[in-house]
């Protein structure tokens, strides 16, 4: 049990440790600086131009295409030549990758919202 002096000392320190600016309320909007930092981040998709997943197969410079599943951690690779032969030059890489994952998906629950893989394009 603290002594009276120790309790007085702790009570005096309580008021000093309070932040100068109050925190945000649960329903309040985030400050402009937060959003600016997110958008200025080089990893932000909007900043990097068109995402590679949104490109057509003939626009992708790499010869080996890889798509992974965030749900089951499965990775499927296909050569660009084979993808063009199977799906055509104008096919979008995100559509081709989704088809490749869905054709071999192991997570089938019977519910449309839960079925399938969650693609991560690399």
N, C-alpha and C. Protein backbone atom coordinates (compact mmCIF):
# COMPACT_ATOMS: atom_id res chain seq x y z
N UNK A 1 0.84 -1.17 0.00
CA UNK A 1 0.00 0.00 0.00
C UNK A 1 0.89 1.24 0.00
N UNK A 2 0.67 2.18 -0.95
CA UNK A 2 1.52 3.38 -0.98
C UNK A 2 1.23 4.30 0.20
N UNK A 3 2.26 5.04 0.55
CA UNK A 3 2.11 6.01 1.64
C UNK A 3 1.38 7.25 1.13
N UNK A 4 1.06 8.15 2.01
CA UNK A 4 0.35 9.38 1.64
C UNK A 4 1.19 10.23 0.71
N UNK A 5 2.50 10.32 0.98
CA UNK A 5 3.39 11.10 0.12
C UNK A 5 3.43 10.50 -1.28
N UNK A 6 3.53 9.16 -1.38
CA UNK A 6 3.58 8.50 -2.67
C UNK A 6 2.28 8.71 -3.44
N UNK A 7 1.16 8.66 -2.74
CA UNK A 7 -0.14 8.88 -3.40
C UNK A 7 -0.26 10.31 -3.91
N UNK A 8 0.22 11.29 -3.14
CA UNK A 8 0.20 12.68 -3.58
C UNK A 8 1.09 12.89 -4.81
N UNK A 9 2.24 12.22 -4.81
CA UNK A 9 3.17 12.33 -5.93
C UNK A 9 2.55 11.73 -7.20
N UNK A 10 1.90 10.57 -7.08
CA UNK A 10 1.24 9.94 -8.23
C UNK A 10 0.08 10.79 -8.73
N UNK A 11 -0.67 11.39 -7.85
CA UNK A 11 -1.80 12.23 -8.23
C UNK A 11 -1.32 13.48 -8.97
N UNK A 12 -0.16 14.02 -8.59
CA UNK A 12 0.39 15.19 -9.27
C UNK A 12 0.85 14.84 -10.69
N UNK A 13 1.35 13.63 -10.88
CA UNK A 13 1.83 13.21 -12.19
C UNK A 13 0.71 12.87 -13.17
N UNK A 14 -0.47 12.55 -12.69
CA UNK A 14 -1.58 12.15 -13.55
C UNK A 14 -1.97 13.27 -14.50
N UNK A 15 -2.05 14.49 -14.05
CA UNK A 15 -2.45 15.61 -14.89
C UNK A 15 -1.41 15.96 -15.93
N UNK A 16 -0.15 15.69 -15.69
CA UNK A 16 0.94 16.04 -16.62
C UNK A 16 1.00 15.10 -17.81
N UNK A 17 0.59 13.87 -17.65
CA UNK A 17 0.72 12.88 -18.72
C UNK A 17 -0.41 12.93 -19.74
N UNK A 18 -1.35 13.84 -19.57
CA UNK A 18 -2.46 13.92 -20.52
C UNK A 18 -2.00 14.55 -21.82
N UNK A 19 -2.47 14.07 -22.94
CA UNK A 19 -2.06 14.67 -24.22
C UNK A 19 -2.63 16.08 -24.36
N UNK A 20 -1.90 16.93 -25.06
CA UNK A 20 -2.32 18.31 -25.27
C UNK A 20 -3.55 18.37 -26.17
N UNK A 21 -3.59 17.50 -27.18
CA UNK A 21 -4.68 17.49 -28.14
C UNK A 21 -5.52 16.25 -27.90
N UNK A 22 -6.83 16.37 -27.77
CA UNK A 22 -7.65 15.18 -27.52
C UNK A 22 -7.66 14.25 -28.73
N UNK A 23 -7.87 12.99 -28.50
CA UNK A 23 -7.93 12.01 -29.58
C UNK A 23 -9.21 12.14 -30.38
N UNK A 24 -9.29 11.36 -31.46
CA UNK A 24 -10.47 11.40 -32.31
C UNK A 24 -11.61 10.60 -31.71
N UNK A 25 -12.80 11.08 -31.95
CA UNK A 25 -13.99 10.33 -31.53
C UNK A 25 -14.16 9.14 -32.47
N UNK A 26 -14.85 8.09 -32.04
CA UNK A 26 -14.99 6.91 -32.90
C UNK A 26 -15.62 7.20 -34.26
N UNK A 27 -16.53 8.13 -34.36
CA UNK A 27 -17.19 8.41 -35.63
C UNK A 27 -16.57 9.57 -36.39
N UNK A 28 -15.50 10.17 -35.88
CA UNK A 28 -14.91 11.35 -36.50
C UNK A 28 -14.10 10.97 -37.74
N UNK A 29 -14.01 11.92 -38.67
CA UNK A 29 -13.19 11.71 -39.87
C UNK A 29 -11.71 11.79 -39.49
N UNK A 30 -10.90 11.04 -40.24
CA UNK A 30 -9.46 11.09 -40.00
C UNK A 30 -8.90 12.40 -40.54
N UNK A 31 -7.82 12.90 -39.95
CA UNK A 31 -7.28 14.19 -40.39
C UNK A 31 -6.72 14.13 -41.81
N UNK A 32 -6.61 15.29 -42.43
CA UNK A 32 -6.12 15.40 -43.80
C UNK A 32 -4.68 14.89 -43.92
N UNK A 33 -3.86 15.09 -42.90
CA UNK A 33 -2.47 14.64 -42.94
C UNK A 33 -2.38 13.12 -43.09
N UNK A 34 -3.29 12.41 -42.45
CA UNK A 34 -3.30 10.95 -42.53
C UNK A 34 -3.55 10.50 -43.97
N UNK A 35 -4.58 11.06 -44.61
CA UNK A 35 -4.91 10.67 -45.98
C UNK A 35 -3.81 11.08 -46.94
N UNK A 36 -3.20 12.25 -46.73
CA UNK A 36 -2.12 12.70 -47.60
C UNK A 36 -0.95 11.74 -47.51
N UNK A 37 -0.61 11.28 -46.30
CA UNK A 37 0.49 10.34 -46.12
C UNK A 37 0.20 9.02 -46.82
N UNK A 38 -1.04 8.57 -46.76
CA UNK A 38 -1.40 7.33 -47.45
C UNK A 38 -1.28 7.46 -48.96
N UNK A 39 -1.77 8.56 -49.50
CA UNK A 39 -1.73 8.74 -50.95
C UNK A 39 -0.32 9.02 -51.47
N UNK A 40 0.52 9.61 -50.66
CA UNK A 40 1.90 9.89 -51.07
C UNK A 40 2.80 8.68 -50.94
N UNK A 41 2.34 7.66 -50.27
CA UNK A 41 3.13 6.44 -50.10
C UNK A 41 3.39 5.81 -51.47
N UNK A 42 4.63 5.47 -51.79
CA UNK A 42 4.92 4.90 -53.12
C UNK A 42 4.25 3.54 -53.35
N UNK A 43 3.84 2.88 -52.29
CA UNK A 43 3.18 1.58 -52.45
C UNK A 43 1.70 1.72 -52.74
N UNK A 44 1.17 2.95 -52.73
CA UNK A 44 -0.25 3.16 -53.00
C UNK A 44 -0.54 2.83 -54.46
N UNK A 45 -1.58 2.08 -54.70
CA UNK A 45 -1.89 1.63 -56.06
C UNK A 45 -2.25 2.79 -56.97
N UNK A 46 -2.95 3.79 -56.46
CA UNK A 46 -3.35 4.92 -57.29
C UNK A 46 -2.13 5.73 -57.72
N UNK A 47 -1.09 5.77 -56.92
CA UNK A 47 0.10 6.54 -57.23
C UNK A 47 0.95 5.85 -58.29
N UNK A 48 0.92 4.54 -58.36
CA UNK A 48 1.80 3.80 -59.27
C UNK A 48 1.21 3.68 -60.67
N UNK A 49 0.13 4.34 -60.96
CA UNK A 49 -0.47 4.24 -62.29
C UNK A 49 -1.33 3.00 -62.37
N UNK A 50 -1.36 2.39 -63.55
CA UNK A 50 -2.20 1.21 -63.74
C UNK A 50 -1.57 0.01 -63.04
N UNK A 51 -2.35 -0.68 -62.30
CA UNK A 51 -1.88 -1.88 -61.64
C UNK A 51 -1.60 -2.94 -62.69
N UNK A 52 -0.61 -3.78 -62.44
CA UNK A 52 -0.27 -4.80 -63.42
C UNK A 52 -1.41 -5.79 -63.62
N UNK A 53 -2.25 -5.97 -62.62
CA UNK A 53 -3.39 -6.87 -62.75
C UNK A 53 -4.40 -6.35 -63.76
N UNK A 54 -4.44 -5.05 -63.97
CA UNK A 54 -5.41 -4.46 -64.90
C UNK A 54 -4.88 -4.41 -66.33
N UNK A 55 -3.65 -4.85 -66.55
CA UNK A 55 -3.07 -4.82 -67.89
C UNK A 55 -3.53 -6.01 -68.73
N UNK A 56 -3.53 -5.80 -70.04
CA UNK A 56 -3.78 -6.90 -70.96
C UNK A 56 -2.52 -7.75 -71.03
N UNK A 57 -2.67 -8.99 -71.45
CA UNK A 57 -1.53 -9.90 -71.49
C UNK A 57 -0.43 -9.40 -72.41
N UNK A 58 -0.78 -8.75 -73.52
CA UNK A 58 0.25 -8.28 -74.44
C UNK A 58 0.97 -7.03 -73.93
N UNK A 59 0.52 -6.42 -72.84
CA UNK A 59 1.17 -5.25 -72.26
C UNK A 59 2.12 -5.59 -71.13
N UNK A 60 2.09 -6.81 -70.66
CA UNK A 60 2.94 -7.22 -69.53
C UNK A 60 4.32 -7.59 -70.05
N UNK A 61 5.39 -6.99 -69.53
CA UNK A 61 6.73 -7.26 -70.06
C UNK A 61 7.34 -8.59 -69.58
N UNK A 62 6.90 -9.12 -68.45
CA UNK A 62 7.50 -10.34 -67.92
C UNK A 62 7.03 -11.57 -68.69
N UNK A 63 7.85 -12.60 -68.75
CA UNK A 63 7.45 -13.81 -69.46
C UNK A 63 6.84 -14.87 -68.54
N UNK A 64 7.01 -14.73 -67.23
CA UNK A 64 6.43 -15.67 -66.28
C UNK A 64 5.43 -14.91 -65.41
N UNK A 65 4.19 -15.32 -65.43
CA UNK A 65 3.13 -14.65 -64.67
C UNK A 65 2.78 -15.50 -63.46
N UNK A 66 2.59 -14.86 -62.32
CA UNK A 66 2.34 -15.58 -61.08
C UNK A 66 1.15 -14.94 -60.36
N UNK A 67 0.24 -15.77 -59.89
CA UNK A 67 -0.88 -15.31 -59.08
C UNK A 67 -0.97 -16.22 -57.86
N UNK A 68 -1.16 -15.62 -56.70
CA UNK A 68 -1.25 -16.38 -55.46
C UNK A 68 -2.61 -16.18 -54.82
N UNK A 69 -2.95 -17.07 -53.92
CA UNK A 69 -4.22 -16.98 -53.19
C UNK A 69 -3.92 -16.53 -51.76
N UNK A 70 -4.57 -15.46 -51.34
CA UNK A 70 -4.40 -14.97 -49.97
C UNK A 70 -5.09 -15.87 -48.96
N UNK A 71 -5.99 -16.67 -49.43
CA UNK A 71 -6.78 -17.51 -48.52
C UNK A 71 -6.07 -18.82 -48.21
N UNK A 72 -5.62 -19.52 -49.24
CA UNK A 72 -5.01 -20.84 -49.02
C UNK A 72 -3.50 -20.84 -49.28
N UNK A 73 -2.93 -19.69 -49.65
CA UNK A 73 -1.49 -19.53 -49.88
C UNK A 73 -0.98 -20.36 -51.05
N UNK A 74 -1.86 -20.71 -51.97
CA UNK A 74 -1.46 -21.46 -53.15
C UNK A 74 -0.95 -20.49 -54.20
N UNK A 75 0.06 -20.88 -54.98
CA UNK A 75 0.62 -20.04 -56.05
C UNK A 75 0.51 -20.79 -57.36
N UNK A 76 0.02 -20.09 -58.38
CA UNK A 76 -0.10 -20.66 -59.72
C UNK A 76 0.73 -19.81 -60.66
N UNK A 77 1.60 -20.46 -61.44
CA UNK A 77 2.42 -19.76 -62.42
C UNK A 77 2.07 -20.23 -63.82
N UNK A 78 2.18 -19.32 -64.77
CA UNK A 78 1.95 -19.65 -66.16
C UNK A 78 2.85 -18.76 -67.00
N UNK A 79 3.37 -19.33 -68.08
CA UNK A 79 4.17 -18.51 -68.98
C UNK A 79 3.25 -17.62 -69.78
N UNK A 80 3.73 -16.45 -70.11
CA UNK A 80 2.92 -15.49 -70.84
C UNK A 80 2.51 -16.05 -72.20
N UNK A 81 3.38 -16.80 -72.84
CA UNK A 81 3.08 -17.39 -74.14
C UNK A 81 1.89 -18.35 -74.03
N UNK A 82 1.88 -19.16 -72.99
CA UNK A 82 0.77 -20.10 -72.79
C UNK A 82 -0.52 -19.37 -72.45
N UNK A 83 -0.42 -18.33 -71.65
CA UNK A 83 -1.62 -17.57 -71.30
C UNK A 83 -2.22 -16.90 -72.54
N UNK A 84 -1.37 -16.37 -73.41
CA UNK A 84 -1.86 -15.74 -74.64
C UNK A 84 -2.49 -16.79 -75.54
N UNK A 85 -1.88 -17.96 -75.63
CA UNK A 85 -2.43 -19.03 -76.47
C UNK A 85 -3.79 -19.50 -75.95
N UNK A 86 -3.95 -19.60 -74.63
CA UNK A 86 -5.20 -20.10 -74.06
C UNK A 86 -6.30 -19.05 -73.98
N UNK A 87 -5.95 -17.81 -73.66
CA UNK A 87 -6.97 -16.80 -73.37
C UNK A 87 -6.99 -15.63 -74.35
N UNK A 88 -5.98 -15.50 -75.20
CA UNK A 88 -5.94 -14.42 -76.18
C UNK A 88 -5.13 -13.23 -75.69
N UNK A 89 -4.64 -12.43 -76.65
CA UNK A 89 -3.79 -11.28 -76.32
C UNK A 89 -4.54 -10.20 -75.55
N UNK A 90 -5.82 -10.05 -75.81
CA UNK A 90 -6.60 -8.95 -75.23
C UNK A 90 -7.13 -9.26 -73.83
N UNK A 91 -6.92 -10.47 -73.34
CA UNK A 91 -7.44 -10.85 -72.02
C UNK A 91 -6.71 -10.08 -70.92
N UNK A 92 -7.44 -9.66 -69.90
CA UNK A 92 -6.85 -8.97 -68.76
C UNK A 92 -6.19 -9.98 -67.83
N UNK A 93 -5.05 -9.61 -67.28
CA UNK A 93 -4.31 -10.52 -66.41
C UNK A 93 -5.12 -10.87 -65.16
N UNK A 94 -5.90 -9.93 -64.64
CA UNK A 94 -6.69 -10.25 -63.45
C UNK A 94 -7.75 -11.30 -63.75
N UNK A 95 -8.34 -11.28 -64.95
CA UNK A 95 -9.33 -12.29 -65.32
C UNK A 95 -8.68 -13.66 -65.53
N UNK A 96 -7.52 -13.65 -66.18
CA UNK A 96 -6.81 -14.91 -66.41
C UNK A 96 -6.36 -15.52 -65.09
N UNK A 97 -5.80 -14.68 -64.20
CA UNK A 97 -5.35 -15.18 -62.90
C UNK A 97 -6.49 -15.72 -62.07
N UNK A 98 -7.62 -15.05 -62.09
CA UNK A 98 -8.79 -15.52 -61.34
C UNK A 98 -9.27 -16.87 -61.88
N UNK A 99 -9.29 -17.02 -63.20
CA UNK A 99 -9.68 -18.31 -63.80
C UNK A 99 -8.72 -19.41 -63.41
N UNK A 100 -7.42 -19.12 -63.43
CA UNK A 100 -6.43 -20.13 -63.06
C UNK A 100 -6.62 -20.59 -61.62
N UNK A 101 -6.89 -19.65 -60.73
CA UNK A 101 -7.10 -20.03 -59.33
C UNK A 101 -8.42 -20.76 -59.13
N UNK A 102 -9.48 -20.27 -59.78
CA UNK A 102 -10.80 -20.88 -59.59
C UNK A 102 -10.87 -22.30 -60.16
N UNK A 103 -10.10 -22.57 -61.21
CA UNK A 103 -10.12 -23.91 -61.80
C UNK A 103 -9.53 -24.95 -60.85
N UNK A 104 -8.68 -24.53 -59.95
CA UNK A 104 -8.03 -25.48 -59.03
C UNK A 104 -8.34 -25.17 -57.57
N UNK A 105 -9.40 -24.42 -57.32
CA UNK A 105 -9.73 -24.00 -55.96
C UNK A 105 -10.13 -25.20 -55.09
N UNK A 106 -9.67 -25.19 -53.86
CA UNK A 106 -9.99 -26.27 -52.92
C UNK A 106 -10.99 -25.83 -51.86
N UNK A 107 -11.30 -24.53 -51.80
CA UNK A 107 -12.22 -24.00 -50.80
C UNK A 107 -13.61 -23.83 -51.41
N UNK A 108 -14.41 -24.87 -51.36
CA UNK A 108 -15.78 -24.81 -51.87
C UNK A 108 -16.73 -25.08 -50.72
N UNK A 109 -17.54 -24.07 -50.39
CA UNK A 109 -18.47 -24.21 -49.28
C UNK A 109 -19.92 -24.32 -49.75
N UNK A 110 -20.17 -23.97 -51.00
CA UNK A 110 -21.53 -23.97 -51.50
C UNK A 110 -22.19 -22.61 -51.43
N UNK A 111 -21.57 -21.67 -50.75
CA UNK A 111 -22.10 -20.31 -50.65
C UNK A 111 -21.29 -19.41 -51.58
N UNK A 112 -21.97 -18.66 -52.42
CA UNK A 112 -21.31 -17.82 -53.41
C UNK A 112 -20.36 -16.82 -52.78
N UNK A 113 -20.73 -16.24 -51.64
CA UNK A 113 -19.91 -15.22 -51.01
C UNK A 113 -18.60 -15.79 -50.45
N UNK A 114 -18.59 -17.06 -50.10
CA UNK A 114 -17.42 -17.64 -49.45
C UNK A 114 -16.59 -18.51 -50.37
N UNK A 115 -17.12 -18.89 -51.52
CA UNK A 115 -16.39 -19.78 -52.41
C UNK A 115 -15.25 -19.07 -53.12
N UNK A 116 -14.27 -19.87 -53.50
CA UNK A 116 -13.20 -19.37 -54.35
C UNK A 116 -12.00 -18.85 -53.59
N UNK A 117 -11.00 -18.49 -54.38
CA UNK A 117 -9.74 -18.00 -53.85
C UNK A 117 -9.74 -16.47 -53.89
N UNK A 118 -8.79 -15.89 -53.16
CA UNK A 118 -8.62 -14.45 -53.12
C UNK A 118 -7.30 -14.14 -53.82
N UNK A 119 -7.32 -13.71 -55.07
CA UNK A 119 -6.09 -13.56 -55.84
C UNK A 119 -5.21 -12.41 -55.37
N UNK A 120 -3.90 -12.65 -55.42
CA UNK A 120 -2.88 -11.64 -55.17
C UNK A 120 -1.92 -11.72 -56.35
N UNK A 121 -1.92 -10.71 -57.21
CA UNK A 121 -1.12 -10.75 -58.43
C UNK A 121 0.29 -10.28 -58.15
N UNK A 122 1.25 -11.05 -58.62
CA UNK A 122 2.68 -10.73 -58.40
C UNK A 122 3.38 -10.53 -59.72
